[in-house]
Structures are given as C-alpha cells and as structure tokens.
Amino acid sequence: MIIEIDKKQLRKVGITFGLLLGLALTILSIVSFYIMISTSSVIVISSVPFIFSIVFPIILVVILCFNFRKNIEGFWTFKQAATGIFIMFFVAFAVQFLLRDQLFARVIEPNMVEKTQTAMTSAVTSFLEKSKASQDDIDKKMDDIQKQFDAQKNVSIGKQIEGVGISIIFIFVIAIIFAAFFKKEGQVYNPNNDPII
C-alpha cells in the first residue's frame, strides 16, 4: 500500500515553489546580464552565463525539491514527484517568461541584446589583440559573434511560440529526471502482509 498525497496540496506547493524558483531565476538572469555588460574580461563573460544559468539554478532546484518533498509528508512516488516538479518548473518558466523576457527585455532593457553584444565584442577583441591574434582571425571571430547575435535580435511570434513549445517539452524531460532522483516512496504497514502473523 502506498501513502496517498493530496493532489491539491501537491499543486499548491508546486505553484508556490515555482513562483519562488521563477523569481530567483529571473533575478539571477538580470544580475548575470548586468555583470556581463559591466566587464571587459573574457573569462568573466564566458563563466558568468554558466554559473548563473546552470550552477546556481541546479543548486536552487535541488534545495527546492528536497523542501518540496518535505512539505508533502516526506514521501512521494515517481509519478507524484514528476507531477509536482513539472508544476514547479512550468510555473517558474512562466514567471521567467513574463518578468525577464517580456517585462525586462522589452520594457526595462529593450537594448539588452545589443548591450550584451557590445560587451562581448569588446572583451573578445581585447583578448585576441593581447594574445597577438592576426586581424583576419579577429575579423572572423567578430563575424561569428555578429551572426549569433543577429539571430537573437529579430525573433518572430512564430519562433517565440515554437520556443515555448520546445521549452515545455524540455521542462517535462528535466522534471522526469529530477523525479527519478527525488522520489521517495513510503510504505504503509498492512498487517495482512506481515509474514510473522
């Protein structure tokens, strides 16, 4: 016999933790942006996205998953864990999409991509010049950077919808992976199954 979890409580905790995760990820993303545009170091520009987009979020998600499980009696099956974690991730994605992608990137910092490109171009050029790279190599690298940023500047509504769809599928897969790690099934004692009796 498996311990039953109240589905309303699972959704409620998932939404609450999703809001927390979404706000935290939005703040990390904004801080990362401001660090990147205020530095001229290639090492900082290269490492900040990794640290703020992968390392800190994974640590935060692990902490939230442990607390999530603790808030719903300490036990949950794989299905319950996957459902709860997916709700948390989906709400976090929605919060981040609204706050970072729509409000911050379109209203507060509408030139976000251009500012990031300027900072990266400046840092990479300085680094390549210090390392005695040829002008052809520098020009080639600048063209590569320009192509990467051009793709980010003009995103159509269709591309945004496609991106959201892909993100939801990715969120589901990641939720399943985290559920596999964080499931903890509790067994209820049933005297009919006791071999001693």
N, C-alpha and C. Protein backbone atom coordinates (compact mmCIF):
# COMPACT_ATOMS: atom_id res chain seq x y z
N MET A 1 0.85 -1.18 0.00
CA MET A 1 0.00 0.00 0.00
C MET A 1 0.89 1.25 0.00
N ILE A 2 0.58 2.20 -0.83
CA ILE A 2 1.39 3.41 -0.98
C ILE A 2 0.68 4.58 -0.29
N ILE A 3 1.46 5.44 0.35
CA ILE A 3 0.90 6.62 1.00
C ILE A 3 0.32 7.55 -0.06
N GLU A 4 -0.92 7.99 0.18
CA GLU A 4 -1.58 8.90 -0.76
C GLU A 4 -1.24 10.34 -0.41
N ILE A 5 -0.99 11.13 -1.43
CA ILE A 5 -0.70 12.55 -1.27
C ILE A 5 -1.89 13.33 -1.81
N ASP A 6 -2.30 14.33 -1.07
CA ASP A 6 -3.39 15.20 -1.51
C ASP A 6 -2.94 15.94 -2.78
N LYS A 7 -3.67 15.74 -3.87
CA LYS A 7 -3.29 16.36 -5.15
C LYS A 7 -3.36 17.88 -5.10
N LYS A 8 -4.32 18.40 -4.33
CA LYS A 8 -4.41 19.86 -4.19
C LYS A 8 -3.17 20.41 -3.50
N GLN A 9 -2.72 19.69 -2.47
CA GLN A 9 -1.52 20.13 -1.75
C GLN A 9 -0.30 20.05 -2.67
N LEU A 10 -0.23 19.00 -3.48
CA LEU A 10 0.88 18.83 -4.43
C LEU A 10 0.91 20.01 -5.40
N ARG A 11 -0.25 20.37 -5.94
CA ARG A 11 -0.32 21.50 -6.87
C ARG A 11 0.00 22.82 -6.17
N LYS A 12 -0.54 23.00 -4.97
CA LYS A 12 -0.33 24.25 -4.23
C LYS A 12 1.15 24.45 -3.92
N VAL A 13 1.80 23.43 -3.42
CA VAL A 13 3.24 23.53 -3.10
C VAL A 13 4.04 23.70 -4.39
N GLY A 14 3.65 23.00 -5.46
CA GLY A 14 4.33 23.14 -6.75
C GLY A 14 4.24 24.56 -7.29
N ILE A 15 3.06 25.16 -7.18
CA ILE A 15 2.89 26.54 -7.66
C ILE A 15 3.68 27.51 -6.80
N THR A 16 3.61 27.34 -5.47
CA THR A 16 4.36 28.22 -4.57
C THR A 16 5.85 28.15 -4.83
N PHE A 17 6.38 26.94 -4.90
CA PHE A 17 7.82 26.78 -5.14
C PHE A 17 8.19 27.21 -6.56
N GLY A 18 7.27 27.05 -7.51
CA GLY A 18 7.51 27.52 -8.87
C GLY A 18 7.63 29.03 -8.93
N LEU A 19 6.77 29.73 -8.17
CA LEU A 19 6.87 31.19 -8.10
C LEU A 19 8.21 31.62 -7.51
N LEU A 20 8.62 30.94 -6.43
CA LEU A 20 9.92 31.25 -5.82
C LEU A 20 11.07 30.99 -6.79
N LEU A 21 11.02 29.84 -7.46
CA LEU A 21 12.07 29.49 -8.41
C LEU A 21 12.09 30.47 -9.57
N GLY A 22 10.93 30.82 -10.09
CA GLY A 22 10.85 31.77 -11.20
C GLY A 22 11.42 33.13 -10.85
N LEU A 23 11.08 33.63 -9.66
CA LEU A 23 11.62 34.91 -9.21
C LEU A 23 13.13 34.84 -9.04
N ALA A 24 13.60 33.76 -8.41
CA ALA A 24 15.04 33.61 -8.20
C ALA A 24 15.79 33.51 -9.52
N LEU A 25 15.27 32.74 -10.48
CA LEU A 25 15.93 32.60 -11.78
C LEU A 25 15.91 33.92 -12.55
N THR A 26 14.83 34.68 -12.42
CA THR A 26 14.76 35.98 -13.08
C THR A 26 15.81 36.92 -12.51
N ILE A 27 15.92 36.95 -11.19
CA ILE A 27 16.93 37.80 -10.54
C ILE A 27 18.33 37.38 -10.95
N LEU A 28 18.60 36.07 -10.95
CA LEU A 28 19.92 35.57 -11.37
C LEU A 28 20.22 35.99 -12.81
N SER A 29 19.24 35.89 -13.67
CA SER A 29 19.42 36.25 -15.08
C SER A 29 19.71 37.74 -15.24
N ILE A 30 19.00 38.57 -14.51
CA ILE A 30 19.21 40.02 -14.60
C ILE A 30 20.58 40.40 -14.03
N VAL A 31 20.95 39.81 -12.90
CA VAL A 31 22.27 40.07 -12.32
C VAL A 31 23.36 39.62 -13.29
N SER A 32 23.18 38.46 -13.90
CA SER A 32 24.14 37.96 -14.89
C SER A 32 24.30 38.95 -16.05
N PHE A 33 23.19 39.48 -16.54
CA PHE A 33 23.24 40.46 -17.63
C PHE A 33 24.06 41.68 -17.24
N TYR A 34 23.79 42.23 -16.06
CA TYR A 34 24.50 43.44 -15.64
C TYR A 34 25.98 43.17 -15.37
N ILE A 35 26.31 42.00 -14.88
CA ILE A 35 27.73 41.65 -14.70
C ILE A 35 28.41 41.58 -16.06
N MET A 36 27.75 40.94 -17.02
CA MET A 36 28.35 40.77 -18.35
C MET A 36 28.58 42.10 -19.07
N ILE A 37 27.64 43.03 -18.95
CA ILE A 37 27.82 44.29 -19.69
C ILE A 37 28.75 45.26 -18.97
N SER A 38 29.10 44.95 -17.72
CA SER A 38 29.97 45.86 -16.98
C SER A 38 31.41 45.37 -16.90
N THR A 39 31.74 44.29 -17.57
CA THR A 39 33.10 43.75 -17.51
C THR A 39 33.75 43.77 -18.88
N SER A 40 35.06 43.71 -18.87
CA SER A 40 35.80 43.60 -20.13
C SER A 40 36.63 42.33 -20.16
N SER A 41 36.39 41.46 -19.19
CA SER A 41 37.15 40.21 -19.09
C SER A 41 36.43 39.08 -19.85
N VAL A 42 37.17 38.43 -20.73
CA VAL A 42 36.61 37.29 -21.47
C VAL A 42 36.27 36.15 -20.52
N ILE A 43 37.09 35.97 -19.50
CA ILE A 43 36.86 34.89 -18.54
C ILE A 43 35.53 35.12 -17.81
N VAL A 44 35.28 36.35 -17.39
CA VAL A 44 34.02 36.65 -16.71
C VAL A 44 32.84 36.48 -17.66
N ILE A 45 32.97 37.01 -18.87
CA ILE A 45 31.88 36.90 -19.86
C ILE A 45 31.61 35.43 -20.21
N SER A 46 32.65 34.60 -20.20
CA SER A 46 32.47 33.18 -20.52
C SER A 46 31.90 32.40 -19.34
N SER A 47 32.30 32.74 -18.13
CA SER A 47 31.90 31.94 -16.97
C SER A 47 30.58 32.38 -16.34
N VAL A 48 30.25 33.66 -16.41
CA VAL A 48 29.02 34.15 -15.77
C VAL A 48 27.77 33.43 -16.28
N PRO A 49 27.57 33.28 -17.59
CA PRO A 49 26.36 32.56 -18.04
C PRO A 49 26.30 31.12 -17.51
N PHE A 50 27.44 30.44 -17.46
CA PHE A 50 27.47 29.07 -16.94
C PHE A 50 27.10 29.04 -15.46
N ILE A 51 27.71 29.92 -14.69
CA ILE A 51 27.46 29.95 -13.25
C ILE A 51 26.03 30.36 -12.94
N PHE A 52 25.55 31.43 -13.58
CA PHE A 52 24.23 31.97 -13.26
C PHE A 52 23.09 31.23 -13.97
N SER A 53 23.37 30.52 -15.05
CA SER A 53 22.31 29.82 -15.78
C SER A 53 22.28 28.32 -15.54
N ILE A 54 23.37 27.77 -15.00
CA ILE A 54 23.42 26.33 -14.79
C ILE A 54 23.72 25.97 -13.34
N VAL A 55 24.84 26.45 -12.80
CA VAL A 55 25.27 26.04 -11.46
C VAL A 55 24.28 26.51 -10.39
N PHE A 56 24.06 27.81 -10.29
CA PHE A 56 23.14 28.33 -9.26
C PHE A 56 21.73 27.76 -9.41
N PRO A 57 21.15 27.71 -10.62
CA PRO A 57 19.81 27.14 -10.75
C PRO A 57 19.73 25.66 -10.33
N ILE A 58 20.75 24.87 -10.64
CA ILE A 58 20.71 23.45 -10.23
C ILE A 58 20.73 23.35 -8.71
N ILE A 59 21.60 24.13 -8.06
CA ILE A 59 21.66 24.13 -6.60
C ILE A 59 20.30 24.54 -6.02
N LEU A 60 19.72 25.58 -6.58
CA LEU A 60 18.42 26.07 -6.12
C LEU A 60 17.32 25.02 -6.32
N VAL A 61 17.31 24.36 -7.46
CA VAL A 61 16.30 23.34 -7.74
C VAL A 61 16.44 22.15 -6.79
N VAL A 62 17.67 21.74 -6.51
CA VAL A 62 17.89 20.62 -5.58
C VAL A 62 17.34 20.98 -4.20
N ILE A 63 17.66 22.18 -3.72
CA ILE A 63 17.15 22.62 -2.42
C ILE A 63 15.63 22.66 -2.42
N LEU A 64 15.03 23.22 -3.47
CA LEU A 64 13.57 23.30 -3.55
C LEU A 64 12.93 21.91 -3.64
N CYS A 65 13.55 20.98 -4.36
CA CYS A 65 12.98 19.63 -4.46
C CYS A 65 12.98 18.92 -3.10
N PHE A 66 14.08 19.06 -2.34
CA PHE A 66 14.11 18.48 -1.00
C PHE A 66 13.02 19.10 -0.12
N ASN A 67 12.90 20.42 -0.16
CA ASN A 67 11.88 21.10 0.64
C ASN A 67 10.47 20.77 0.17
N PHE A 68 10.30 20.62 -1.14
CA PHE A 68 9.01 20.24 -1.71
C PHE A 68 8.57 18.90 -1.13
N ARG A 69 9.47 17.92 -1.20
CA ARG A 69 9.15 16.58 -0.69
C ARG A 69 8.84 16.64 0.80
N LYS A 70 9.61 17.43 1.54
CA LYS A 70 9.39 17.56 2.98
C LYS A 70 8.02 18.18 3.27
N ASN A 71 7.59 19.13 2.44
CA ASN A 71 6.30 19.80 2.65
C ASN A 71 5.10 18.93 2.35
N ILE A 72 5.29 17.83 1.66
CA ILE A 72 4.16 16.94 1.37
C ILE A 72 4.35 15.59 2.05
N GLU A 73 4.70 15.64 3.31
CA GLU A 73 4.81 14.46 4.16
C GLU A 73 6.10 13.67 4.00
N GLY A 74 7.02 14.09 3.17
CA GLY A 74 8.32 13.44 3.07
C GLY A 74 8.40 12.26 2.11
N PHE A 75 7.29 11.85 1.55
CA PHE A 75 7.29 10.72 0.63
C PHE A 75 6.46 11.07 -0.60
N TRP A 76 6.92 10.58 -1.77
CA TRP A 76 6.13 10.69 -2.98
C TRP A 76 6.62 9.67 -3.99
N THR A 77 5.70 9.17 -4.79
CA THR A 77 6.06 8.20 -5.82
C THR A 77 6.72 8.92 -6.98
N PHE A 78 7.20 8.15 -7.93
CA PHE A 78 7.81 8.75 -9.11
C PHE A 78 6.81 9.64 -9.84
N LYS A 79 5.57 9.15 -10.00
CA LYS A 79 4.55 9.93 -10.71
C LYS A 79 4.22 11.22 -9.96
N GLN A 80 4.08 11.13 -8.65
CA GLN A 80 3.79 12.33 -7.85
C GLN A 80 4.95 13.32 -7.91
N ALA A 81 6.17 12.80 -7.82
CA ALA A 81 7.36 13.66 -7.90
C ALA A 81 7.43 14.34 -9.26
N ALA A 82 7.21 13.57 -10.32
CA ALA A 82 7.27 14.15 -11.68
C ALA A 82 6.19 15.21 -11.86
N THR A 83 4.99 14.95 -11.36
CA THR A 83 3.90 15.92 -11.47
C THR A 83 4.22 17.20 -10.71
N GLY A 84 4.63 17.05 -9.46
CA GLY A 84 4.93 18.21 -8.63
C GLY A 84 6.10 19.03 -9.16
N ILE A 85 7.15 18.35 -9.57
CA ILE A 85 8.33 19.05 -10.08
C ILE A 85 8.01 19.71 -11.42
N PHE A 86 7.21 19.04 -12.27
CA PHE A 86 6.81 19.67 -13.53
C PHE A 86 6.00 20.94 -13.28
N ILE A 87 5.07 20.89 -12.33
CA ILE A 87 4.29 22.09 -12.00
C ILE A 87 5.23 23.21 -11.54
N MET A 88 6.17 22.86 -10.67
CA MET A 88 7.13 23.86 -10.18
C MET A 88 7.93 24.46 -11.33
N PHE A 89 8.46 23.61 -12.22
CA PHE A 89 9.26 24.09 -13.35
C PHE A 89 8.42 24.92 -14.32
N PHE A 90 7.19 24.47 -14.58
CA PHE A 90 6.33 25.19 -15.53
C PHE A 90 5.98 26.58 -15.01
N VAL A 91 5.62 26.67 -13.73
CA VAL A 91 5.30 27.98 -13.14
C VAL A 91 6.54 28.87 -13.16
N ALA A 92 7.71 28.30 -12.84
CA ALA A 92 8.95 29.08 -12.88
C ALA A 92 9.23 29.58 -14.29
N PHE A 93 8.99 28.73 -15.29
CA PHE A 93 9.18 29.14 -16.69
C PHE A 93 8.25 30.29 -17.04
N ALA A 94 6.98 30.18 -16.63
CA ALA A 94 6.00 31.23 -16.93
C ALA A 94 6.40 32.55 -16.27
N VAL A 95 6.83 32.49 -15.02
CA VAL A 95 7.26 33.70 -14.31
C VAL A 95 8.45 34.33 -15.01
N GLN A 96 9.42 33.49 -15.36
CA GLN A 96 10.61 33.99 -16.04
C GLN A 96 10.26 34.58 -17.41
N PHE A 97 9.39 33.92 -18.13
CA PHE A 97 8.98 34.41 -19.45
C PHE A 97 8.33 35.79 -19.33
N LEU A 98 7.45 35.94 -18.35
CA LEU A 98 6.76 37.22 -18.18
C LEU A 98 7.69 38.32 -17.65
N LEU A 99 8.45 38.01 -16.60
CA LEU A 99 9.27 39.04 -15.97
C LEU A 99 10.54 39.37 -16.75
N ARG A 100 11.26 38.33 -17.16
CA ARG A 100 12.54 38.58 -17.83
C ARG A 100 12.36 38.85 -19.32
N ASP A 101 11.68 37.93 -20.00
CA ASP A 101 11.60 38.01 -21.46
C ASP A 101 10.65 39.11 -21.95
N GLN A 102 9.57 39.34 -21.23
CA GLN A 102 8.61 40.35 -21.69
C GLN A 102 8.83 41.70 -21.00
N LEU A 103 8.82 41.72 -19.67
CA LEU A 103 8.94 42.99 -18.96
C LEU A 103 10.36 43.56 -19.03
N PHE A 104 11.34 42.78 -18.59
CA PHE A 104 12.71 43.31 -18.52
C PHE A 104 13.31 43.54 -19.90
N ALA A 105 13.26 42.52 -20.76
CA ALA A 105 13.93 42.62 -22.07
C ALA A 105 13.20 43.53 -23.05
N ARG A 106 11.92 43.76 -22.86
CA ARG A 106 11.18 44.60 -23.81
C ARG A 106 10.89 46.01 -23.28
N VAL A 107 10.76 46.16 -21.96
CA VAL A 107 10.40 47.46 -21.40
C VAL A 107 11.58 48.12 -20.68
N ILE A 108 12.19 47.41 -19.75
CA ILE A 108 13.25 48.00 -18.93
C ILE A 108 14.56 48.09 -19.71
N GLU A 109 14.96 47.03 -20.36
CA GLU A 109 16.21 46.99 -21.13
C GLU A 109 15.93 46.54 -22.56
N PRO A 110 15.29 47.38 -23.38
CA PRO A 110 14.96 46.95 -24.74
C PRO A 110 16.19 46.71 -25.62
N ASN A 111 17.34 47.24 -25.24
CA ASN A 111 18.58 47.03 -26.00
C ASN A 111 19.48 46.00 -25.34
N MET A 112 18.88 45.05 -24.67
CA MET A 112 19.62 44.03 -23.93
C MET A 112 20.58 43.25 -24.83
N VAL A 113 20.10 42.81 -25.97
CA VAL A 113 20.93 42.02 -26.88
C VAL A 113 22.09 42.86 -27.41
N GLU A 114 21.82 44.09 -27.78
CA GLU A 114 22.87 44.96 -28.31
C GLU A 114 23.93 45.26 -27.26
N LYS A 115 23.50 45.50 -26.01
CA LYS A 115 24.45 45.78 -24.93
C LYS A 115 25.33 44.57 -24.64
N THR A 116 24.73 43.39 -24.65
CA THR A 116 25.50 42.17 -24.43
C THR A 116 26.48 41.96 -25.57
N GLN A 117 26.03 42.20 -26.80
CA GLN A 117 26.91 42.06 -27.96
C GLN A 117 28.09 43.03 -27.88
N THR A 118 27.83 44.27 -27.51
CA THR A 118 28.89 45.27 -27.40
C THR A 118 29.92 44.85 -26.36
N ALA A 119 29.45 44.39 -25.20
CA ALA A 119 30.37 43.96 -24.14
C ALA A 119 31.19 42.76 -24.59
N MET A 120 30.53 41.79 -25.23
CA MET A 120 31.24 40.59 -25.67
C MET A 120 32.24 40.92 -26.77
N THR A 121 31.84 41.73 -27.73
CA THR A 121 32.72 42.11 -28.84
C THR A 121 33.96 42.82 -28.30
N SER A 122 33.75 43.74 -27.38
CA SER A 122 34.86 44.49 -26.80
C SER A 122 35.82 43.57 -26.04
N ALA A 123 35.27 42.68 -25.22
CA ALA A 123 36.10 41.78 -24.42
C ALA A 123 36.87 40.80 -25.30
N VAL A 124 36.21 40.23 -26.30
CA VAL A 124 36.87 39.25 -27.18
C VAL A 124 37.93 39.94 -28.03
N THR A 125 37.63 41.13 -28.55
CA THR A 125 38.62 41.87 -29.34
C THR A 125 39.86 42.17 -28.51
N SER A 126 39.65 42.66 -27.30
CA SER A 126 40.76 42.97 -26.40
C SER A 126 41.58 41.73 -26.09
N PHE A 127 40.91 40.62 -25.83
CA PHE A 127 41.60 39.36 -25.53
C PHE A 127 42.42 38.89 -26.73
N LEU A 128 41.82 38.93 -27.92
CA LEU A 128 42.53 38.47 -29.12
C LEU A 128 43.71 39.37 -29.45
N GLU A 129 43.57 40.67 -29.25
CA GLU A 129 44.68 41.59 -29.50
C GLU A 129 45.83 41.34 -28.53
N LYS A 130 45.50 41.08 -27.27
CA LYS A 130 46.54 40.80 -26.27
C LYS A 130 47.24 39.48 -26.55
N SER A 131 46.52 38.53 -27.14
CA SER A 131 47.12 37.23 -27.45
C SER A 131 47.77 37.22 -28.83
N LYS A 132 47.92 38.40 -29.43
CA LYS A 132 48.64 38.60 -30.70
C LYS A 132 47.99 37.85 -31.87
N ALA A 133 46.66 37.78 -31.86
CA ALA A 133 45.96 37.14 -32.98
C ALA A 133 46.02 38.06 -34.19
N SER A 134 45.97 37.45 -35.37
CA SER A 134 46.01 38.25 -36.60
C SER A 134 44.68 38.99 -36.78
N GLN A 135 44.70 40.03 -37.57
CA GLN A 135 43.48 40.82 -37.82
C GLN A 135 42.42 39.97 -38.51
N ASP A 136 42.85 39.03 -39.38
CA ASP A 136 41.90 38.14 -40.05
C ASP A 136 41.17 37.26 -39.03
N ASP A 137 41.92 36.74 -38.05
CA ASP A 137 41.30 35.91 -37.01
C ASP A 137 40.31 36.73 -36.17
N ILE A 138 40.70 37.96 -35.86
CA ILE A 138 39.83 38.84 -35.09
C ILE A 138 38.55 39.14 -35.88
N ASP A 139 38.71 39.47 -37.17
CA ASP A 139 37.54 39.76 -38.01
C ASP A 139 36.62 38.55 -38.13
N LYS A 140 37.22 37.37 -38.26
CA LYS A 140 36.42 36.14 -38.38
C LYS A 140 35.62 35.91 -37.09
N LYS A 141 36.27 36.10 -35.95
CA LYS A 141 35.58 35.91 -34.67
C LYS A 141 34.46 36.94 -34.50
N MET A 142 34.71 38.17 -34.92
CA MET A 142 33.68 39.22 -34.82
C MET A 142 32.48 38.89 -35.71
N ASP A 143 32.74 38.33 -36.90
CA ASP A 143 31.64 37.91 -37.78
C ASP A 143 30.81 36.80 -37.14
N ASP A 144 31.49 35.85 -36.48
CA ASP A 144 30.79 34.77 -35.79
C ASP A 144 29.89 35.32 -34.68
N ILE A 145 30.45 36.25 -33.90
CA ILE A 145 29.67 36.86 -32.81
C ILE A 145 28.48 37.62 -33.38
N GLN A 146 28.70 38.35 -34.48
CA GLN A 146 27.63 39.12 -35.11
C GLN A 146 26.49 38.20 -35.56
N LYS A 147 26.83 37.05 -36.16
CA LYS A 147 25.81 36.11 -36.63
C LYS A 147 25.00 35.56 -35.45
N GLN A 148 25.69 35.23 -34.35
CA GLN A 148 24.99 34.71 -33.18
C GLN A 148 23.98 35.72 -32.63
N PHE A 149 24.39 36.97 -32.56
CA PHE A 149 23.51 37.99 -32.00
C PHE A 149 22.42 38.42 -32.98
N ASP A 150 22.68 38.39 -34.27
CA ASP A 150 21.65 38.72 -35.25
C ASP A 150 20.47 37.76 -35.15
N ALA A 151 20.76 36.50 -34.86
CA ALA A 151 19.70 35.50 -34.73
C ALA A 151 18.80 35.80 -33.52
N GLN A 152 19.35 36.47 -32.50
CA GLN A 152 18.58 36.77 -31.29
C GLN A 152 17.77 38.07 -31.40
N LYS A 153 18.15 38.94 -32.31
CA LYS A 153 17.53 40.27 -32.37
C LYS A 153 16.11 40.25 -32.93
N ASN A 154 15.88 39.57 -34.00
CA ASN A 154 14.58 39.59 -34.66
C ASN A 154 13.89 38.25 -34.53
N VAL A 155 13.25 38.05 -33.39
CA VAL A 155 12.55 36.80 -33.15
C VAL A 155 11.06 37.03 -33.42
N SER A 156 10.52 36.27 -34.37
CA SER A 156 9.11 36.42 -34.74
C SER A 156 8.21 35.75 -33.69
N ILE A 157 6.93 36.05 -33.77
CA ILE A 157 5.97 35.44 -32.85
C ILE A 157 5.94 33.93 -33.05
N GLY A 158 6.04 33.50 -34.30
CA GLY A 158 6.08 32.06 -34.59
C GLY A 158 7.27 31.38 -33.93
N LYS A 159 8.43 32.03 -33.99
CA LYS A 159 9.63 31.48 -33.35
C LYS A 159 9.48 31.46 -31.83
N GLN A 160 8.83 32.49 -31.28
CA GLN A 160 8.60 32.51 -29.83
C GLN A 160 7.68 31.37 -29.41
N ILE A 161 6.61 31.14 -30.17
CA ILE A 161 5.69 30.05 -29.86
C ILE A 161 6.40 28.71 -29.98
N GLU A 162 7.19 28.56 -31.03
CA GLU A 162 7.97 27.33 -31.21
C GLU A 162 8.93 27.14 -30.03
N GLY A 163 9.57 28.23 -29.61
CA GLY A 163 10.50 28.17 -28.47
C GLY A 163 9.80 27.78 -27.18
N VAL A 164 8.59 28.30 -26.97
CA VAL A 164 7.82 27.95 -25.78
C VAL A 164 7.46 26.47 -25.81
N GLY A 165 7.03 25.97 -26.96
CA GLY A 165 6.70 24.54 -27.08
C GLY A 165 7.88 23.65 -26.80
N ILE A 166 9.02 23.98 -27.36
CA ILE A 166 10.24 23.20 -27.12
C ILE A 166 10.63 23.28 -25.65
N SER A 167 10.49 24.46 -25.05
CA SER A 167 10.82 24.64 -23.64
C SER A 167 9.94 23.78 -22.74
N ILE A 168 8.65 23.68 -23.05
CA ILE A 168 7.74 22.87 -22.24
C ILE A 168 8.12 21.39 -22.32
N ILE A 169 8.47 20.93 -23.51
CA ILE A 169 8.93 19.54 -23.66
C ILE A 169 10.20 19.32 -22.86
N PHE A 170 11.14 20.25 -22.95
CA PHE A 170 12.40 20.17 -22.20
C PHE A 170 12.13 20.17 -20.70
N ILE A 171 11.21 21.04 -20.24
CA ILE A 171 10.85 21.10 -18.82
C ILE A 171 10.30 19.75 -18.36
N PHE A 172 9.46 19.13 -19.18
CA PHE A 172 8.89 17.83 -18.83
C PHE A 172 9.98 16.78 -18.67
N VAL A 173 10.92 16.75 -19.60
CA VAL A 173 12.02 15.77 -19.54
C VAL A 173 12.87 16.00 -18.30
N ILE A 174 13.21 17.26 -18.02
CA ILE A 174 14.02 17.58 -16.84
C ILE A 174 13.25 17.22 -15.56
N ALA A 175 11.94 17.46 -15.54
CA ALA A 175 11.12 17.10 -14.37
C ALA A 175 11.16 15.60 -14.13
N ILE A 176 11.12 14.81 -15.19
CA ILE A 176 11.20 13.35 -15.06
C ILE A 176 12.56 12.94 -14.49
N ILE A 177 13.61 13.57 -14.97
CA ILE A 177 14.96 13.25 -14.47
C ILE A 177 15.07 13.59 -12.98
N PHE A 178 14.61 14.79 -12.60
CA PHE A 178 14.66 15.17 -11.18
C PHE A 178 13.75 14.27 -10.34
N ALA A 179 12.60 13.87 -10.88
CA ALA A 179 11.69 12.98 -10.15
C ALA A 179 12.36 11.64 -9.86
N ALA A 180 13.15 11.14 -10.81
CA ALA A 180 13.86 9.88 -10.60
C ALA A 180 14.83 9.99 -9.43
N PHE A 181 15.45 11.15 -9.27
CA PHE A 181 16.39 11.34 -8.17
C PHE A 181 15.69 11.60 -6.84
N PHE A 182 14.56 12.28 -6.85
CA PHE A 182 13.94 12.74 -5.62
C PHE A 182 12.73 11.93 -5.17
N LYS A 183 12.36 10.89 -5.90
CA LYS A 183 11.23 10.08 -5.44
C LYS A 183 11.63 9.36 -4.15
N LYS A 184 10.69 9.22 -3.27
CA LYS A 184 10.94 8.51 -2.02
C LYS A 184 9.60 7.93 -1.60
N GLU A 185 9.45 6.66 -1.87
CA GLU A 185 8.17 6.02 -1.62
C GLU A 185 8.12 5.48 -0.21
N GLY A 186 7.08 5.85 0.51
CA GLY A 186 6.87 5.35 1.86
C GLY A 186 5.85 4.22 1.82
N GLN A 187 6.07 3.22 2.62
CA GLN A 187 5.16 2.09 2.68
C GLN A 187 4.33 2.19 3.96
N VAL A 188 3.05 1.91 3.84
CA VAL A 188 2.16 1.89 4.99
C VAL A 188 2.09 0.45 5.49
N TYR A 189 2.18 0.29 6.80
CA TYR A 189 2.13 -1.04 7.38
C TYR A 189 0.75 -1.65 7.17
N ASN A 190 0.73 -2.86 6.63
CA ASN A 190 -0.51 -3.59 6.42
C ASN A 190 -0.36 -4.92 7.14
N PRO A 191 -1.12 -5.15 8.23
CA PRO A 191 -0.95 -6.39 8.99
C PRO A 191 -1.27 -7.64 8.18
N ASN A 192 -2.05 -7.53 7.12
CA ASN A 192 -2.36 -8.70 6.29
C ASN A 192 -1.15 -9.20 5.52
N ASN A 193 -0.16 -8.33 5.33
CA ASN A 193 1.05 -8.72 4.60
C ASN A 193 2.20 -9.10 5.52
N ASP A 194 1.96 -9.12 6.83
CA ASP A 194 3.03 -9.41 7.79
C ASP A 194 3.27 -10.92 7.82
N PRO A 195 4.48 -11.38 7.47
CA PRO A 195 4.75 -12.82 7.43
C PRO A 195 4.78 -13.46 8.81
N ILE A 196 4.94 -12.68 9.88
CA ILE A 196 5.03 -13.24 11.22
C ILE A 196 3.66 -13.66 11.72
N ILE A 197 2.63 -12.96 11.31
CA ILE A 197 1.27 -13.25 11.81
C ILE A 197 0.72 -14.50 11.18
